[in-house]
PDB file of N, CA and C in Angstrom:
ATOM      1  N   MET A   1      38.930  32.275 -46.173  1.00  0.00           N
ATOM      2  CA  MET A   1      39.115  32.382 -44.747  1.00  0.00           C
ATOM      3  C   MET A   1      40.500  32.947 -44.489  1.00  0.00           C
ATOM      4  N   ILE A   2      40.567  33.809 -43.502  1.00  0.00           N
ATOM      5  CA  ILE A   2      41.841  34.417 -43.123  1.00  0.00           C
ATOM      6  C   ILE A   2      42.322  33.775 -41.833  1.00  0.00           C
ATOM      7  N   PHE A   3      43.573  33.357 -41.815  1.00  0.00           N
ATOM      8  CA  PHE A   3      44.145  32.698 -40.649  1.00  0.00           C
ATOM      9  C   PHE A   3      45.188  33.609 -40.015  1.00  0.00           C
ATOM     10  N   SER A   4      45.129  33.744 -38.712  1.00  0.00           N
ATOM     11  CA  SER A   4      46.133  34.527 -37.987  1.00  0.00           C
ATOM     12  C   SER A   4      47.256  33.596 -37.550  1.00  0.00           C
ATOM     13  N   ASP A   5      48.305  34.182 -37.014  1.00  0.00           N
ATOM     14  CA  ASP A   5      49.400  33.366 -36.491  1.00  0.00           C
ATOM     15  C   ASP A   5      48.882  32.587 -35.289  1.00  0.00           C
ATOM     16  N   PRO A   6      49.244  31.318 -35.197  1.00  0.00           N
ATOM     17  CA  PRO A   6      48.724  30.502 -34.087  1.00  0.00           C
ATOM     18  C   PRO A   6      49.341  30.893 -32.750  1.00  0.00           C
ATOM     19  N   HIS A   7      48.602  30.640 -31.711  1.00  0.00           N
ATOM     20  CA  HIS A   7      49.116  30.784 -30.351  1.00  0.00           C
ATOM     21  C   HIS A   7      50.224  29.744 -30.198  1.00  0.00           C
ATOM     22  N   PRO A   8      51.277  30.064 -29.473  1.00  0.00           N
ATOM     23  CA  PRO A   8      52.404  29.115 -29.327  1.00  0.00           C
ATOM     24  C   PRO A   8      51.993  27.715 -28.868  1.00  0.00           C
ATOM     25  N   ALA A   9      50.930  27.600 -28.099  1.00  0.00           N
ATOM     26  CA  ALA A   9      50.498  26.281 -27.617  1.00  0.00           C
ATOM     27  C   ALA A   9      49.891  25.436 -28.729  1.00  0.00           C
ATOM     28  N   TYR A  10      49.573  26.077 -29.864  1.00  0.00           N
ATOM     29  CA  TYR A  10      48.894  25.351 -30.942  1.00  0.00           C
ATOM     30  C   TYR A  10      49.694  25.311 -32.239  1.00  0.00           C
ATOM     31  N   THR A  11      50.991  25.515 -32.166  1.00  0.00           N
ATOM     32  CA  THR A  11      51.800  25.513 -33.379  1.00  0.00           C
ATOM     33  C   THR A  11      51.868  24.135 -34.042  1.00  0.00           C
ATOM     34  N   HIS A  12      51.517  23.085 -33.306  1.00  0.00           N
ATOM     35  CA  HIS A  12      51.524  21.743 -33.881  1.00  0.00           C
ATOM     36  C   HIS A  12      50.310  21.511 -34.792  1.00  0.00           C
ATOM     37  N   LEU A  13      49.350  22.411 -34.757  1.00  0.00           N
ATOM     38  CA  LEU A  13      48.163  22.297 -35.609  1.00  0.00           C
ATOM     39  C   LEU A  13      48.306  23.209 -36.816  1.00  0.00           C
ATOM     40  N   ASN A  14      47.712  22.819 -37.913  1.00  0.00           N
ATOM     41  CA  ASN A  14      47.743  23.648 -39.109  1.00  0.00           C
ATOM     42  C   ASN A  14      46.311  23.786 -39.633  1.00  0.00           C
ATOM     43  N   PRO A  15      45.559  24.756 -39.108  1.00  0.00           N
ATOM     44  CA  PRO A  15      44.160  24.881 -39.502  1.00  0.00           C
ATOM     45  C   PRO A  15      43.976  25.180 -40.985  1.00  0.00           C
ATOM     46  N   LYS A  16      44.876  25.949 -41.587  1.00  0.00           N
ATOM     47  CA  LYS A  16      44.740  26.248 -43.015  1.00  0.00           C
ATOM     48  C   LYS A  16      44.843  24.975 -43.841  1.00  0.00           C
ATOM     49  N   GLU A  17      45.800  24.136 -43.524  1.00  0.00           N
ATOM     50  CA  GLU A  17      45.956  22.872 -44.236  1.00  0.00           C
ATOM     51  C   GLU A  17      44.714  21.993 -44.062  1.00  0.00           C
ATOM     52  N   SER A  18      44.204  21.924 -42.839  1.00  0.00           N
ATOM     53  CA  SER A  18      43.000  21.124 -42.568  1.00  0.00           C
ATOM     54  C   SER A  18      41.812  21.637 -43.367  1.00  0.00           C
ATOM     55  N   MET A  19      41.643  22.955 -43.387  1.00  0.00           N
ATOM     56  CA  MET A  19      40.516  23.533 -44.118  1.00  0.00           C
ATOM     57  C   MET A  19      40.679  23.346 -45.631  1.00  0.00           C
ATOM     58  N   ASP A  20      41.885  23.497 -46.122  1.00  0.00           N
ATOM     59  CA  ASP A  20      42.124  23.307 -47.559  1.00  0.00           C
ATOM     60  C   ASP A  20      41.777  21.885 -47.992  1.00  0.00           C
ATOM     61  N   LYS A  21      42.082  20.897 -47.133  1.00  0.00           N
ATOM     62  CA  LYS A  21      41.776  19.501 -47.457  1.00  0.00           C
ATOM     63  C   LYS A  21      40.271  19.256 -47.521  1.00  0.00           C
ATOM     64  N   ARG A  22      39.510  19.935 -46.670  1.00  0.00           N
ATOM     65  CA  ARG A  22      38.064  19.716 -46.596  1.00  0.00           C
ATOM     66  C   ARG A  22      37.280  20.572 -47.585  1.00  0.00           C
ATOM     67  N   HIS A  23      37.864  21.657 -48.067  1.00  0.00           N
ATOM     68  CA  HIS A  23      37.124  22.598 -48.895  1.00  0.00           C
ATOM     69  C   HIS A  23      36.465  21.896 -50.082  1.00  0.00           C
ATOM     70  N   GLY A  24      35.167  22.062 -50.172  1.00  0.00           N
ATOM     71  CA  GLY A  24      34.412  21.463 -51.267  1.00  0.00           C
ATOM     72  C   GLY A  24      33.915  20.066 -50.978  1.00  0.00           C
ATOM     73  N   THR A  25      34.379  19.468 -49.881  1.00  0.00           N
ATOM     74  CA  THR A  25      33.933  18.112 -49.541  1.00  0.00           C
ATOM     75  C   THR A  25      33.140  18.083 -48.238  1.00  0.00           C
ATOM     76  N   GLN A  26      33.034  19.236 -47.578  1.00  0.00           N
ATOM     77  CA  GLN A  26      32.314  19.284 -46.318  1.00  0.00           C
ATOM     78  C   GLN A  26      30.829  19.014 -46.559  1.00  0.00           C
ATOM     79  N   GLN A  27      30.182  18.485 -45.535  1.00  0.00           N
ATOM     80  CA  GLN A  27      28.779  18.131 -45.650  1.00  0.00           C
ATOM     81  C   GLN A  27      27.892  19.370 -45.710  1.00  0.00           C
ATOM     82  N   GLY A  28      28.243  20.387 -44.935  1.00  0.00           N
ATOM     83  CA  GLY A  28      27.404  21.576 -44.845  1.00  0.00           C
ATOM     84  C   GLY A  28      27.621  22.547 -45.988  1.00  0.00           C
ATOM     85  N   ASP A  29      26.536  23.232 -46.357  1.00  0.00           N
ATOM     86  CA  ASP A  29      26.569  24.266 -47.389  1.00  0.00           C
ATOM     87  C   ASP A  29      26.532  25.616 -46.669  1.00  0.00           C
ATOM     88  N   PRO A  30      27.589  26.424 -46.767  1.00  0.00           N
ATOM     89  CA  PRO A  30      27.633  27.700 -46.048  1.00  0.00           C
ATOM     90  C   PRO A  30      26.447  28.623 -46.345  1.00  0.00           C
ATOM     91  N   ASP A  31      26.002  28.665 -47.577  1.00  0.00           N
ATOM     92  CA  ASP A  31      24.863  29.529 -47.921  1.00  0.00           C
ATOM     93  C   ASP A  31      23.587  29.048 -47.230  1.00  0.00           C
ATOM     94  N   ARG A  32      23.384  27.754 -47.210  1.00  0.00           N
ATOM     95  CA  ARG A  32      22.198  27.212 -46.541  1.00  0.00           C
ATOM     96  C   ARG A  32      22.309  27.377 -45.023  1.00  0.00           C
ATOM     97  N   GLY A  33      23.527  27.265 -44.493  1.00  0.00           N
ATOM     98  CA  GLY A  33      23.745  27.506 -43.067  1.00  0.00           C
ATOM     99  C   GLY A  33      23.434  28.948 -42.697  1.00  0.00           C
ATOM    100  N   ALA A  34      23.881  29.885 -43.525  1.00  0.00           N
ATOM    101  CA  ALA A  34      23.593  31.304 -43.275  1.00  0.00           C
ATOM    102  C   ALA A  34      22.092  31.571 -43.338  1.00  0.00           C
ATOM    103  N   ALA A  35      21.405  30.952 -44.285  1.00  0.00           N
ATOM    104  CA  ALA A  35      19.949  31.125 -44.393  1.00  0.00           C
ATOM    105  C   ALA A  35      19.248  30.588 -43.151  1.00  0.00           C
ATOM    106  N   ALA A  36      19.731  29.465 -42.631  1.00  0.00           N
ATOM    107  CA  ALA A  36      19.140  28.892 -41.421  1.00  0.00           C
ATOM    108  C   ALA A  36      19.382  29.807 -40.221  1.00  0.00           C
ATOM    109  N   MET A  37      20.586  30.370 -40.113  1.00  0.00           N
ATOM    110  CA  MET A  37      20.885  31.294 -39.006  1.00  0.00           C
ATOM    111  C   MET A  37      20.013  32.540 -39.085  1.00  0.00           C
ATOM    112  N   TYR A  38      19.799  33.041 -40.294  1.00  0.00           N
ATOM    113  CA  TYR A  38      18.922  34.203 -40.461  1.00  0.00           C
ATOM    114  C   TYR A  38      17.504  33.860 -40.029  1.00  0.00           C
ATOM    115  N   LYS A  39      17.049  32.678 -40.407  1.00  0.00           N
ATOM    116  CA  LYS A  39      15.704  32.245 -40.023  1.00  0.00           C
ATOM    117  C   LYS A  39      15.566  32.209 -38.507  1.00  0.00           C
ATOM    118  N   VAL A  40      16.563  31.654 -37.824  1.00  0.00           N
ATOM    119  CA  VAL A  40      16.533  31.597 -36.367  1.00  0.00           C
ATOM    120  C   VAL A  40      16.550  33.014 -35.784  1.00  0.00           C
ATOM    121  N   ALA A  41      17.397  33.880 -36.335  1.00  0.00           N
ATOM    122  CA  ALA A  41      17.530  35.247 -35.818  1.00  0.00           C
ATOM    123  C   ALA A  41      16.250  36.058 -35.968  1.00  0.00           C
ATOM    124  N   THR A  42      15.427  35.699 -36.928  1.00  0.00           N
ATOM    125  CA  THR A  42      14.203  36.471 -37.156  1.00  0.00           C
ATOM    126  C   THR A  42      12.951  35.792 -36.600  1.00  0.00           C
ATOM    127  N   MET A  43      13.103  34.695 -35.888  1.00  0.00           N
ATOM    128  CA  MET A  43      11.954  34.014 -35.273  1.00  0.00           C
ATOM    129  C   MET A  43      11.414  34.842 -34.111  1.00  0.00           C
ATOM    130  N   ASP A  44      10.102  34.780 -33.915  1.00  0.00           N
ATOM    131  CA  ASP A  44       9.496  35.442 -32.763  1.00  0.00           C
ATOM    132  C   ASP A  44       9.971  34.803 -31.465  1.00  0.00           C
ATOM    133  N   GLU A  45      10.110  33.488 -31.455  1.00  0.00           N
ATOM    134  CA  GLU A  45      10.579  32.765 -30.277  1.00  0.00           C
ATOM    135  C   GLU A  45      11.685  31.800 -30.701  1.00  0.00           C
ATOM    136  N   PRO A  46      12.903  32.311 -30.889  1.00  0.00           N
ATOM    137  CA  PRO A  46      13.997  31.434 -31.339  1.00  0.00           C
ATOM    138  C   PRO A  46      14.397  30.451 -30.251  1.00  0.00           C
ATOM    139  N   PRO A  47      14.918  29.301 -30.663  1.00  0.00           N
ATOM    140  CA  PRO A  47      15.381  28.320 -29.675  1.00  0.00           C
ATOM    141  C   PRO A  47      16.601  28.852 -28.936  1.00  0.00           C
ATOM    142  N   LEU A  48      16.751  28.416 -27.689  1.00  0.00           N
ATOM    143  CA  LEU A  48      17.925  28.807 -26.908  1.00  0.00           C
ATOM    144  C   LEU A  48      19.189  28.231 -27.540  1.00  0.00           C
ATOM    145  N   ARG A  49      19.075  26.997 -28.034  1.00  0.00           N
ATOM    146  CA  ARG A  49      20.202  26.331 -28.695  1.00  0.00           C
ATOM    147  C   ARG A  49      19.681  25.603 -29.917  1.00  0.00           C
ATOM    148  N   ILE A  50      20.544  25.512 -30.926  1.00  0.00           N
ATOM    149  CA  ILE A  50      20.197  24.766 -32.139  1.00  0.00           C
ATOM    150  C   ILE A  50      21.499  24.293 -32.770  1.00  0.00           C
ATOM    151  N   VAL A  51      21.446  23.152 -33.404  1.00  0.00           N
ATOM    152  CA  VAL A  51      22.599  22.681 -34.164  1.00  0.00           C
ATOM    153  C   VAL A  51      22.237  22.767 -35.641  1.00  0.00           C
ATOM    154  N   LEU A  52      23.206  23.089 -36.443  1.00  0.00           N
ATOM    155  CA  LEU A  52      22.979  23.194 -37.882  1.00  0.00           C
ATOM    156  C   LEU A  52      23.812  22.150 -38.601  1.00  0.00           C
ATOM    157  N   GLY A  53      23.183  21.413 -39.468  1.00  0.00           N
ATOM    158  CA  GLY A  53      23.867  20.399 -40.249  1.00  0.00           C
ATOM    159  C   GLY A  53      23.563  19.007 -39.761  1.00  0.00           C
ATOM    160  N   SER A  54      23.480  18.091 -40.697  1.00  0.00           N
ATOM    161  CA  SER A  54      23.192  16.693 -40.361  1.00  0.00           C
ATOM    162  C   SER A  54      24.269  16.092 -39.482  1.00  0.00           C
ATOM    163  N   ASP A  55      25.520  16.444 -39.753  1.00  0.00           N
ATOM    164  CA  ASP A  55      26.616  15.892 -38.959  1.00  0.00           C
ATOM    165  C   ASP A  55      26.552  16.391 -37.523  1.00  0.00           C
ATOM    166  N   ALA A  56      26.278  17.669 -37.340  1.00  0.00           N
ATOM    167  CA  ALA A  56      26.173  18.231 -35.992  1.00  0.00           C
ATOM    168  C   ALA A  56      24.965  17.658 -35.261  1.00  0.00           C
ATOM    169  N   PHE A  57      23.855  17.506 -35.973  1.00  0.00           N
ATOM    170  CA  PHE A  57      22.652  16.965 -35.347  1.00  0.00           C
ATOM    171  C   PHE A  57      22.902  15.541 -34.856  1.00  0.00           C
ATOM    172  N   SER A  58      23.502  14.714 -35.694  1.00  0.00           N
ATOM    173  CA  SER A  58      23.795  13.326 -35.304  1.00  0.00           C
ATOM    174  C   SER A  58      24.743  13.280 -34.112  1.00  0.00           C
ATOM    175  N   SER A  59      25.754  14.134 -34.102  1.00  0.00           N
ATOM    176  CA  SER A  59      26.720  14.155 -33.009  1.00  0.00           C
ATOM    177  C   SER A  59      26.073  14.553 -31.688  1.00  0.00           C
ATOM    178  N   ILE A  60      25.208  15.562 -31.725  1.00  0.00           N
ATOM    179  CA  ILE A  60      24.605  16.025 -30.473  1.00  0.00           C
ATOM    180  C   ILE A  60      23.599  15.015 -29.943  1.00  0.00           C
ATOM    181  N   ILE A  61      22.856  14.359 -30.821  1.00  0.00           N
ATOM    182  CA  ILE A  61      21.921  13.332 -30.361  1.00  0.00           C
ATOM    183  C   ILE A  61      22.684  12.182 -29.706  1.00  0.00           C
ATOM    184  N   ASP A  62      23.799  11.790 -30.292  1.00  0.00           N
ATOM    185  CA  ASP A  62      24.639  10.735 -29.704  1.00  0.00           C
ATOM    186  C   ASP A  62      25.122  11.157 -28.316  1.00  0.00           C
ATOM    187  N   LYS A  63      25.573  12.396 -28.182  1.00  0.00           N
ATOM    188  CA  LYS A  63      26.057  12.889 -26.896  1.00  0.00           C
ATOM    189  C   LYS A  63      24.932  12.916 -25.870  1.00  0.00           C
ATOM    190  N   ILE A  64      23.745  13.367 -26.266  1.00  0.00           N
ATOM    191  CA  ILE A  64      22.597  13.413 -25.350  1.00  0.00           C
ATOM    192  C   ILE A  64      22.261  12.011 -24.851  1.00  0.00           C
ATOM    193  N   GLU A  65      22.285  11.030 -25.737  1.00  0.00           N
ATOM    194  CA  GLU A  65      21.988   9.656 -25.333  1.00  0.00           C
ATOM    195  C   GLU A  65      23.030   9.134 -24.344  1.00  0.00           C
ATOM    196  N   LYS A  66      24.300   9.464 -24.570  1.00  0.00           N
ATOM    197  CA  LYS A  66      25.354   9.033 -23.645  1.00  0.00           C
ATOM    198  C   LYS A  66      25.199   9.714 -22.296  1.00  0.00           C
ATOM    199  N   TYR A  67      24.881  10.994 -22.295  1.00  0.00           N
ATOM    200  CA  TYR A  67      24.639  11.712 -21.041  1.00  0.00           C
ATOM    201  C   TYR A  67      23.471  11.085 -20.304  1.00  0.00           C
ATOM    202  N   ASP A  68      22.394  10.800 -21.016  1.00  0.00           N
ATOM    203  CA  ASP A  68      21.206  10.221 -20.392  1.00  0.00           C
ATOM    204  C   ASP A  68      21.556   8.893 -19.722  1.00  0.00           C
ATOM    205  N   ASP A  69      22.276   8.040 -20.433  1.00  0.00           N
ATOM    206  CA  ASP A  69      22.685   6.746 -19.864  1.00  0.00           C
ATOM    207  C   ASP A  69      23.513   6.950 -18.598  1.00  0.00           C
ATOM    208  N   ASN A  70      24.476   7.868 -18.665  1.00  0.00           N
ATOM    209  CA  ASN A  70      25.360   8.104 -17.528  1.00  0.00           C
ATOM    210  C   ASN A  70      24.597   8.669 -16.338  1.00  0.00           C
ATOM    211  N   TYR A  71      23.756   9.665 -16.559  1.00  0.00           N
ATOM    212  CA  TYR A  71      23.027  10.276 -15.447  1.00  0.00           C
ATOM    213  C   TYR A  71      22.069   9.294 -14.803  1.00  0.00           C
ATOM    214  N   ARG A  72      21.391   8.501 -15.598  1.00  0.00           N
ATOM    215  CA  ARG A  72      20.455   7.528 -15.031  1.00  0.00           C
ATOM    216  C   ARG A  72      21.200   6.440 -14.253  1.00  0.00           C
ATOM    217  N   LYS A  73      22.378   6.061 -14.743  1.00  0.00           N
ATOM    218  CA  LYS A  73      23.167   5.038 -14.071  1.00  0.00           C
ATOM    219  C   LYS A  73      23.543   5.477 -12.649  1.00  0.00           C
ATOM    220  N   TYR A  74      23.818   6.753 -12.475  1.00  0.00           N
ATOM    221  CA  TYR A  74      24.252   7.265 -11.174  1.00  0.00           C
ATOM    222  C   TYR A  74      23.190   8.137 -10.494  1.00  0.00           C
ATOM    223  N   GLU A  75      21.936   7.941 -10.873  1.00  0.00           N
ATOM    224  CA  GLU A  75      20.857   8.732 -10.284  1.00  0.00           C
ATOM    225  C   GLU A  75      20.820   8.578  -8.765  1.00  0.00           C
ATOM    226  N   GLY A  76      20.939   7.361  -8.279  1.00  0.00           N
ATOM    227  CA  GLY A  76      20.896   7.121  -6.838  1.00  0.00           C
ATOM    228  C   GLY A  76      21.975   7.897  -6.099  1.00  0.00           C
ATOM    229  N   LEU A  77      23.177   7.873  -6.633  1.00  0.00           N
ATOM    230  CA  LEU A  77      24.269   8.616  -6.008  1.00  0.00           C
ATOM    231  C   LEU A  77      23.992  10.110  -6.036  1.00  0.00           C
ATOM    232  N   SER A  78      23.500  10.602  -7.166  1.00  0.00           N
ATOM    233  CA  SER A  78      23.178  12.031  -7.276  1.00  0.00           C
ATOM    234  C   SER A  78      22.144  12.449  -6.248  1.00  0.00           C
ATOM    235  N   ARG A  79      21.111  11.643  -6.116  1.00  0.00           N
ATOM    236  CA  ARG A  79      20.020  11.982  -5.191  1.00  0.00           C
ATOM    237  C   ARG A  79      20.400  11.737  -3.734  1.00  0.00           C
ATOM    238  N   SER A  80      21.450  10.953  -3.487  1.00  0.00           N
ATOM    239  CA  SER A  80      21.830  10.611  -2.114  1.00  0.00           C
ATOM    240  C   SER A  80      22.407  11.794  -1.346  1.00  0.00           C
ATOM    241  N   THR A  81      22.643  12.894  -2.001  1.00  0.00           N
ATOM    242  CA  THR A  81      23.264  14.046  -1.334  1.00  0.00           C
ATOM    243  C   THR A  81      22.257  15.044  -0.797  1.00  0.00           C
ATOM    244  N   ASP A  82      20.961  14.771  -0.952  1.00  0.00           N
ATOM    245  CA  ASP A  82      19.936  15.682  -0.446  1.00  0.00           C
ATOM    246  C   ASP A  82      19.997  15.742   1.079  1.00  0.00           C
ATOM    247  N   TYR A  83      19.679  16.892   1.606  1.00  0.00           N
ATOM    248  CA  TYR A  83      19.675  17.096   3.055  1.00  0.00           C
ATOM    249  C   TYR A  83      18.553  16.294   3.678  1.00  0.00           C
ATOM    250  N   LEU A  84      18.839  15.627   4.779  1.00  0.00           N
ATOM    251  CA  LEU A  84      17.843  14.889   5.531  1.00  0.00           C
ATOM    252  C   LEU A  84      17.412  15.727   6.732  1.00  0.00           C
ATOM    253  N   GLY A  85      16.131  15.693   7.023  1.00  0.00           N
ATOM    254  CA  GLY A  85      15.607  16.430   8.171  1.00  0.00           C
ATOM    255  C   GLY A  85      15.990  15.768   9.482  1.00  0.00           C
ATOM    256  N   LYS A  86      15.555  16.337  10.587  1.00  0.00           N
ATOM    257  CA  LYS A  86      15.886  15.815  11.926  1.00  0.00           C
ATOM    258  C   LYS A  86      15.409  14.384  12.108  1.00  0.00           C
ATOM    259  N   ASP A  87      14.316  14.021  11.383  1.00  0.00           N
ATOM    260  CA  ASP A  87      13.787  12.668  11.515  1.00  0.00           C
ATOM    261  C   ASP A  87      14.458  11.679  10.560  1.00  0.00           C
ATOM    262  N   GLY A  88      15.486  12.164   9.825  1.00  0.00           N
ATOM    263  CA  GLY A  88      16.192  11.296   8.887  1.00  0.00           C
ATOM    264  C   GLY A  88      15.489  11.135   7.552  1.00  0.00           C
ATOM    265  N   GLN A  89      14.393  11.869   7.380  1.00  0.00           N
ATOM    266  CA  GLN A  89      13.639  11.806   6.122  1.00  0.00           C
ATOM    267  C   GLN A  89      13.847  13.081   5.327  1.00  0.00           C
ATOM    268  N   LYS A  90      13.621  13.003   4.046  1.00  0.00           N
ATOM    269  CA  LYS A  90      13.727  14.202   3.187  1.00  0.00           C
ATOM    270  C   LYS A  90      12.600  15.150   3.443  1.00  0.00           C
TER     271      LYS A  90
END
């Protein structure tokens, strides 16, 4: 991987060091990831969105569940903003 000079706002981060520490221990296999991307690219009806890797899949499912809980908790408030007709009904 080639790293460019960081933007001044991000000089406190060291992406090369982070990547060097993870190299060879990451969960995902780059070759298998590339094969999966090729498969998606050549599908007749590819998904609009997809996550690759067990770690990414677990993270997105967790986020979806948290979103679902939050949206359902405030459903009444969300729906309370609908326009009411002259008779006060939707």
